[in-house]
Amino acid sequence: MAILTLSVLEGLERGLVYEDLETPVTIGREEDNVIQLNDERVSRVHAKLQEDRRQVILTDLNSTNGSRVNGHPVQLRVLQPGDHVQIGRCTLLFGSNAQIAEHAKRIGVEVAALTPLNYSADPVVASSPDSEVEFQIVEDSSPENLQLPLFPGGAPVLPEHLQPGERARISDVLSYVHERMGDVAFEASESEDRSPESFVQVPWERWQNMLMLQRDLASYLRKIANPD
């Protein structure tokens, strides 16, 4: 059973730290939730955190205003230490200080790349157990001002221990995406000026194919999050 830590960075409960939580953890406006957030934009039972194969999964429970991770709308998401979960006008930091520092070290990025944190000589948050680096949470961590990479450590790893049929289906989906994106890259033309302000031209037909791919991926994501 996973033991979770969630810190409230923004909202009426700002400053509260929920430690040693056992999964499943529900988040919402009602008192029966493990984490209650007093915000009218938060649904009565808004989201749930549960464990599956040693991973912590956030599921939005068809809430009215949705859930975000690192500023991006999600319905289903495997959480990593340092992710900030935005529910209504509340922001919750996932993971303990040690877990965040260890995850940053494991994927080869600075702690500041994972969370809305600043390095500080006068620590407010504990430093990594294996490092002398100390950091503190920035003052303005409201949902409107936070937009970090959804995958700061790069591409997520593929699931393990899949059945042959499951591996074949994933392979088909990825092959479909790879082929569509390859068509666009093959026919795109780069300008002679390769400055950051330059543009790449793509044939209209290929651009439409890219939009259709985005539509198909959105449909896949919705079906995975809501299989029924």
Protein backbone atom coordinates (compact mmCIF):
# COMPACT_ATOMS: atom_id res chain seq x y z
CA MET A 1 0.00 0.00 0.00
CA ALA A 2 1.38 3.37 -1.03
CA ILE A 3 1.96 6.01 1.66
CA LEU A 4 1.39 9.50 0.26
CA THR A 5 2.30 13.07 1.16
CA LEU A 6 0.32 16.04 -0.21
CA SER A 7 1.02 19.67 0.66
CA VAL A 8 -1.54 22.40 0.01
CA LEU A 9 0.24 25.29 -1.73
CA GLU A 10 -2.78 27.41 -2.66
CA GLY A 11 -6.37 27.64 -1.39
CA LEU A 12 -8.09 28.15 1.94
CA GLU A 13 -6.16 25.18 3.37
CA ARG A 14 -2.81 26.57 2.24
CA GLY A 15 0.02 25.45 4.48
CA LEU A 16 -1.55 22.14 5.50
CA VAL A 17 0.57 19.04 4.88
CA TYR A 18 -1.14 15.65 4.71
CA GLU A 19 1.41 12.95 5.55
CA ASP A 20 1.31 9.16 5.82
CA LEU A 21 -1.91 8.87 3.82
CA GLU A 22 -2.87 5.36 2.80
CA THR A 23 -4.43 4.80 -0.61
CA PRO A 24 -7.07 5.24 -1.82
CA VAL A 25 -7.25 8.99 -1.13
CA THR A 26 -10.30 11.00 -2.16
CA ILE A 27 -10.20 14.77 -2.65
CA GLY A 28 -13.28 16.95 -2.70
CA ARG A 29 -15.52 19.50 -1.04
CA GLU A 30 -17.45 17.07 1.21
CA GLU A 31 -16.29 16.27 4.73
CA ASP A 32 -16.15 12.53 3.97
CA ASN A 33 -13.13 13.01 1.71
CA VAL A 34 -9.65 12.22 3.02
CA ILE A 35 -8.63 15.71 1.85
CA GLN A 36 -11.39 18.31 2.05
CA LEU A 37 -10.98 21.50 0.01
CA ASN A 38 -13.36 24.35 0.76
CA ASP A 39 -13.77 25.85 -2.69
CA GLU A 40 -16.99 26.14 -4.70
CA ARG A 41 -15.08 25.16 -7.84
CA VAL A 42 -14.25 21.81 -6.27
CA SER A 43 -16.82 19.04 -6.76
CA ARG A 44 -18.19 17.14 -3.77
CA VAL A 45 -16.00 14.14 -4.64
CA HIS A 46 -13.59 15.58 -7.18
CA ALA A 47 -10.67 13.18 -7.64
CA LYS A 48 -9.14 9.99 -6.30
CA LEU A 49 -5.58 8.77 -5.81
CA GLN A 50 -5.06 5.03 -5.85
CA GLU A 51 -2.18 2.58 -6.18
CA ASP A 52 -1.69 0.15 -9.03
CA ARG A 53 1.51 -1.79 -9.67
CA ARG A 54 3.49 0.48 -7.33
CA GLN A 55 2.30 3.57 -9.16
CA VAL A 56 0.05 6.31 -7.79
CA ILE A 57 -2.73 7.16 -10.22
CA LEU A 58 -4.84 10.30 -10.15
CA THR A 59 -8.36 9.90 -11.54
CA ASP A 60 -10.69 12.83 -12.09
CA LEU A 61 -14.14 11.63 -11.01
CA ASN A 62 -16.07 13.45 -13.74
CA SER A 63 -15.78 16.69 -11.79
CA THR A 64 -17.48 19.85 -13.00
CA ASN A 65 -14.30 21.89 -13.48
CA GLY A 66 -11.80 19.12 -14.10
CA SER A 67 -8.35 18.43 -12.70
CA ARG A 68 -4.93 19.60 -13.82
CA VAL A 69 -1.41 18.33 -13.28
CA ASN A 70 1.41 20.83 -13.75
CA GLY A 71 -1.13 23.15 -15.38
CA HIS A 72 -2.34 20.60 -17.97
CA PRO A 73 -5.91 19.17 -17.99
CA VAL A 74 -5.96 15.44 -17.18
CA GLN A 75 -8.52 12.75 -16.57
CA LEU A 76 -6.08 9.97 -15.71
CA ARG A 77 -2.47 10.47 -14.73
CA VAL A 78 0.39 8.54 -13.11
CA LEU A 79 1.74 10.98 -10.52
CA GLN A 80 5.43 11.56 -9.91
CA PRO A 81 6.97 13.30 -6.89
CA GLY A 82 7.02 17.02 -7.60
CA ASP A 83 3.80 17.06 -9.64
CA HIS A 84 1.39 19.75 -8.56
CA VAL A 85 -2.28 18.85 -8.75
CA GLN A 86 -4.67 21.71 -9.40
CA ILE A 87 -8.26 21.22 -8.27
CA GLY A 88 -10.51 24.26 -8.42
CA ARG A 89 -8.44 27.16 -7.14
CA CYS A 90 -6.36 24.87 -4.96
CA THR A 91 -2.87 23.57 -5.70
CA LEU A 92 -1.48 20.47 -4.00
CA LEU A 93 2.15 19.36 -4.20
CA PHE A 94 2.55 15.58 -4.50
CA GLY A 95 5.39 13.89 -2.63
CA SER A 96 7.54 14.54 0.39
CA ASN A 97 10.64 16.74 0.23
CA ALA A 98 12.92 13.70 0.17
CA GLN A 99 10.83 11.99 -2.54
CA ILE A 100 10.89 15.08 -4.75
CA ALA A 101 14.65 15.51 -4.40
CA GLU A 102 15.26 11.81 -5.07
CA HIS A 103 13.01 11.81 -8.15
CA ALA A 104 14.79 14.87 -9.53
CA LYS A 105 18.14 13.16 -9.01
CA ARG A 106 16.91 9.96 -10.66
CA ILE A 107 15.74 11.67 -13.85
CA GLY A 108 18.67 14.06 -13.96
CA VAL A 109 16.93 17.42 -13.49
CA GLU A 110 17.08 20.14 -10.85
CA VAL A 111 14.40 20.25 -8.19
CA ALA A 112 13.24 23.60 -9.57
CA ALA A 113 12.34 21.85 -12.85
CA LEU A 114 9.79 19.70 -11.03
CA THR A 115 8.04 22.03 -8.63
CA PRO A 116 7.34 25.73 -8.04
CA LEU A 117 10.36 25.96 -5.74
CA ASN A 118 13.19 28.45 -5.30
CA TYR A 119 16.62 27.66 -3.94
CA SER A 120 17.21 29.46 -0.67
CA ALA A 121 19.91 30.04 1.91
CA ASP A 122 17.21 30.09 4.57
CA PRO A 123 15.28 26.86 3.94
CA VAL A 124 11.56 26.66 4.54
CA VAL A 125 11.39 23.16 3.09
CA ALA A 126 13.87 20.43 4.01
CA SER A 127 16.71 19.66 1.64
CA SER A 128 17.54 16.36 -0.03
CA PRO A 129 19.05 13.80 2.37
CA ASP A 130 21.91 13.25 -0.12
CA SER A 131 22.50 16.90 -1.00
CA GLU A 132 23.15 20.23 0.65
CA VAL A 133 20.75 21.99 -1.72
CA GLU A 134 17.90 23.67 0.13
CA PHE A 135 14.75 25.15 -1.34
CA GLN A 136 11.50 26.89 -0.48
CA ILE A 137 8.12 27.22 -2.15
CA VAL A 138 7.58 30.41 -4.14
CA GLU A 139 5.05 32.92 -2.89
CA ASP A 140 2.59 32.85 -5.80
CA SER A 141 1.75 29.23 -6.60
CA SER A 142 -1.84 29.77 -7.71
CA PRO A 143 -3.17 27.53 -10.53
CA GLU A 144 -3.30 30.49 -12.92
CA ASN A 145 0.44 31.14 -12.56
CA LEU A 146 1.77 27.59 -12.74
CA GLN A 147 2.58 25.89 -16.04
CA LEU A 148 5.35 23.31 -15.87
CA PRO A 149 6.12 20.44 -18.27
CA LEU A 150 3.72 17.56 -17.87
CA PHE A 151 6.65 15.18 -18.31
CA PRO A 152 9.72 17.07 -17.03
CA GLY A 153 11.84 13.92 -17.03
CA GLY A 154 11.18 13.10 -20.67
CA ALA A 155 9.05 10.36 -22.18
CA PRO A 156 7.23 8.08 -19.72
CA VAL A 157 8.32 4.45 -19.57
CA LEU A 158 6.22 1.78 -21.20
CA PRO A 159 4.15 -0.48 -18.91
CA GLU A 160 5.69 -3.82 -18.06
CA HIS A 161 4.30 -7.36 -17.89
CA LEU A 162 1.78 -6.84 -20.68
CA GLN A 163 0.07 -9.71 -22.41
CA PRO A 164 0.98 -10.28 -26.09
CA GLY A 165 -2.34 -8.82 -27.23
CA GLU A 166 -1.86 -5.71 -25.09
CA ARG A 167 1.66 -5.21 -26.43
CA ALA A 168 0.35 -5.53 -29.99
CA ARG A 169 -2.36 -2.90 -29.39
CA ILE A 170 0.08 -0.43 -27.88
CA SER A 171 2.43 -1.08 -30.78
CA ASP A 172 -0.38 -0.36 -33.25
CA VAL A 173 -1.29 2.95 -31.57
CA LEU A 174 2.33 4.12 -31.40
CA SER A 175 2.95 3.05 -34.99
CA TYR A 176 -0.08 5.04 -36.10
CA VAL A 177 1.20 8.16 -34.30
CA HIS A 178 4.72 7.60 -35.62
CA GLU A 179 3.50 7.31 -39.21
CA ARG A 180 1.32 10.43 -39.07
CA MET A 181 4.07 12.54 -37.51
CA GLY A 182 6.60 11.15 -39.97
CA ASP A 183 4.47 12.33 -42.89
CA VAL A 184 4.49 15.87 -41.51
CA ALA A 185 8.23 15.87 -40.79
CA PHE A 186 9.07 14.44 -44.22
CA GLU A 187 7.20 17.14 -46.15
CA ALA A 188 7.99 20.10 -43.88
CA SER A 189 10.44 22.68 -45.21
CA GLU A 190 12.69 24.74 -42.98
CA SER A 191 13.57 28.32 -43.82
CA GLU A 192 17.16 29.27 -44.53
CA ASP A 193 17.17 31.46 -41.46
CA ARG A 194 17.43 28.99 -38.58
CA SER A 195 17.03 31.51 -35.81
CA PRO A 196 14.55 30.88 -32.96
CA GLU A 197 12.13 33.28 -34.71
CA SER A 198 12.10 31.34 -38.00
CA PHE A 199 9.23 29.12 -39.16
CA VAL A 200 8.82 25.67 -40.67
CA GLN A 201 6.32 25.37 -43.51
CA VAL A 202 4.04 22.34 -43.68
CA PRO A 203 1.70 21.46 -46.59
CA TRP A 204 -1.93 22.18 -45.75
CA GLU A 205 -2.94 18.53 -46.22
CA ARG A 206 -0.30 17.32 -43.77
CA TRP A 207 -1.32 19.97 -41.25
CA GLN A 208 -4.89 18.68 -41.46
CA ASN A 209 -3.55 15.17 -40.87
CA MET A 210 -1.82 16.45 -37.73
CA LEU A 211 -5.07 17.98 -36.48
CA MET A 212 -6.86 14.68 -37.14
CA LEU A 213 -4.13 12.89 -35.21
CA GLN A 214 -4.69 15.24 -32.29
CA ARG A 215 -8.41 14.48 -32.48
CA ASP A 216 -7.76 10.73 -32.46
CA LEU A 217 -5.37 10.99 -29.52
CA ALA A 218 -7.93 13.03 -27.58
CA SER A 219 -10.46 10.27 -28.24
CA TYR A 220 -8.00 7.60 -27.08
CA LEU A 221 -7.30 9.52 -23.87
CA ARG A 222 -11.00 9.91 -23.15
CA LYS A 223 -11.74 6.21 -23.72
CA ILE A 224 -8.84 5.14 -21.52
CA ALA A 225 -10.00 7.43 -18.69
CA ASN A 226 -13.67 6.44 -19.12
CA PRO A 227 -13.70 2.84 -20.39
CA ASP A 228 -17.43 2.44 -19.69
